[in-house]
Amino acid sequence: MVEGNYRIAFIRDHLKWLHKGITEGSNCFGYHLWCPFDCWSWTNAYKNRYGLIRVDTEDGCSLQPKRSAAWFKQVSSSHKVSD
């Protein structure tokens, strides 16, 4: 499984700030990621892969859920942000 602790930390921080905003009266009703699948940024020479699902371009573009996908599924199901 592809790790991605930095991705989990990034999303966790966003969700914690989102929760703070909602408790302070923000009218937010949802959260979504930029892209569920890997996408690459030309600003970092296409090194970083973003997304919860890895796209293996060496293997016919097969898909592999990352650790962050399992974490986000658990958060979405339980409605609780965990470490």
Protein backbone atom coordinates (compact mmCIF):
# COMPACT_ATOMS: atom_id res chain seq x y z
CA MET A 1 0.00 0.00 0.00
CA VAL A 2 1.31 3.42 -0.89
CA GLU A 3 1.91 5.42 2.27
CA GLY A 4 1.05 9.07 2.46
CA ASN A 5 1.26 10.30 6.02
CA TYR A 6 1.90 13.84 4.78
CA ARG A 7 -1.35 13.66 2.80
CA ILE A 8 -3.29 12.43 5.84
CA ALA A 9 -1.83 15.23 7.96
CA PHE A 10 -2.70 17.79 5.26
CA ILE A 11 -6.32 16.64 5.00
CA ARG A 12 -6.66 16.27 8.79
CA ASP A 13 -5.53 19.87 9.29
CA HIS A 14 -8.04 21.09 6.70
CA LEU A 15 -10.87 19.17 8.34
CA LYS A 16 -9.99 20.48 11.80
CA TRP A 17 -10.06 24.08 10.53
CA LEU A 18 -13.29 23.36 8.68
CA HIS A 19 -14.84 22.04 11.90
CA LYS A 20 -13.70 25.16 13.75
CA GLY A 21 -15.33 27.35 11.11
CA ILE A 22 -18.59 25.43 11.28
CA THR A 23 -18.71 25.65 15.08
CA GLU A 24 -18.19 29.40 14.75
CA GLY A 25 -21.13 29.73 12.36
CA SER A 26 -19.74 29.12 8.87
CA ASN A 27 -22.33 27.93 6.37
CA CYS A 28 -20.19 25.09 4.99
CA PHE A 29 -21.95 21.87 4.07
CA GLY A 30 -19.23 19.74 2.51
CA TYR A 31 -15.61 19.09 1.72
CA HIS A 32 -13.98 17.59 -1.33
CA LEU A 33 -10.44 17.01 -2.49
CA TRP A 34 -9.00 18.54 -5.63
CA CYS A 35 -8.74 15.15 -7.29
CA PRO A 36 -9.31 11.62 -5.98
CA PHE A 37 -6.70 10.20 -8.39
CA ASP A 38 -3.04 11.05 -8.81
CA CYS A 39 -2.43 14.23 -10.68
CA TRP A 40 0.94 15.87 -11.13
CA SER A 41 2.07 19.45 -10.72
CA TRP A 42 4.51 20.99 -13.16
CA THR A 43 5.65 23.36 -10.38
CA ASN A 44 7.52 20.51 -8.67
CA ALA A 45 8.82 18.81 -11.82
CA TYR A 46 6.01 16.24 -11.71
CA LYS A 47 7.59 14.59 -8.65
CA ASN A 48 4.70 14.78 -6.18
CA ARG A 49 1.56 12.78 -6.79
CA TYR A 50 -1.63 14.13 -5.35
CA GLY A 51 -4.77 12.13 -4.73
CA LEU A 52 -6.04 9.23 -2.66
CA ILE A 53 -5.62 6.67 -5.43
CA ARG A 54 -2.31 5.96 -7.17
CA VAL A 55 -2.30 5.71 -10.95
CA ASP A 56 0.44 3.31 -12.04
CA THR A 57 1.51 4.61 -15.44
CA GLU A 58 4.01 1.75 -15.77
CA ASP A 59 1.27 -0.89 -15.52
CA GLY A 60 -1.48 0.16 -17.91
CA CYS A 61 -2.71 2.89 -15.55
CA SER A 62 -3.86 0.42 -12.90
CA LEU A 63 -5.28 1.98 -9.74
CA GLN A 64 -4.08 1.39 -6.19
CA PRO A 65 -5.76 3.01 -3.16
CA LYS A 66 -3.25 4.74 -0.89
CA ARG A 67 -3.19 4.60 2.90
CA SER A 68 -4.79 8.04 2.86
CA ALA A 69 -7.79 6.61 0.96
CA ALA A 70 -8.44 4.10 3.75
CA TRP A 71 -8.03 6.85 6.34
CA PHE A 72 -10.41 9.20 4.50
CA LYS A 73 -12.97 6.40 4.12
CA GLN A 74 -12.85 5.81 7.89
CA VAL A 75 -13.25 9.53 8.59
CA SER A 76 -16.16 9.80 6.14
CA SER A 77 -17.91 6.76 7.62
CA SER A 78 -17.45 7.68 11.28
CA HIS A 79 -17.80 11.47 10.91
CA LYS A 80 -14.76 11.74 13.20
CA VAL A 81 -11.25 12.90 12.38
CA SER A 82 -8.69 10.55 13.90
CA ASP A 83 -4.91 10.41 13.81
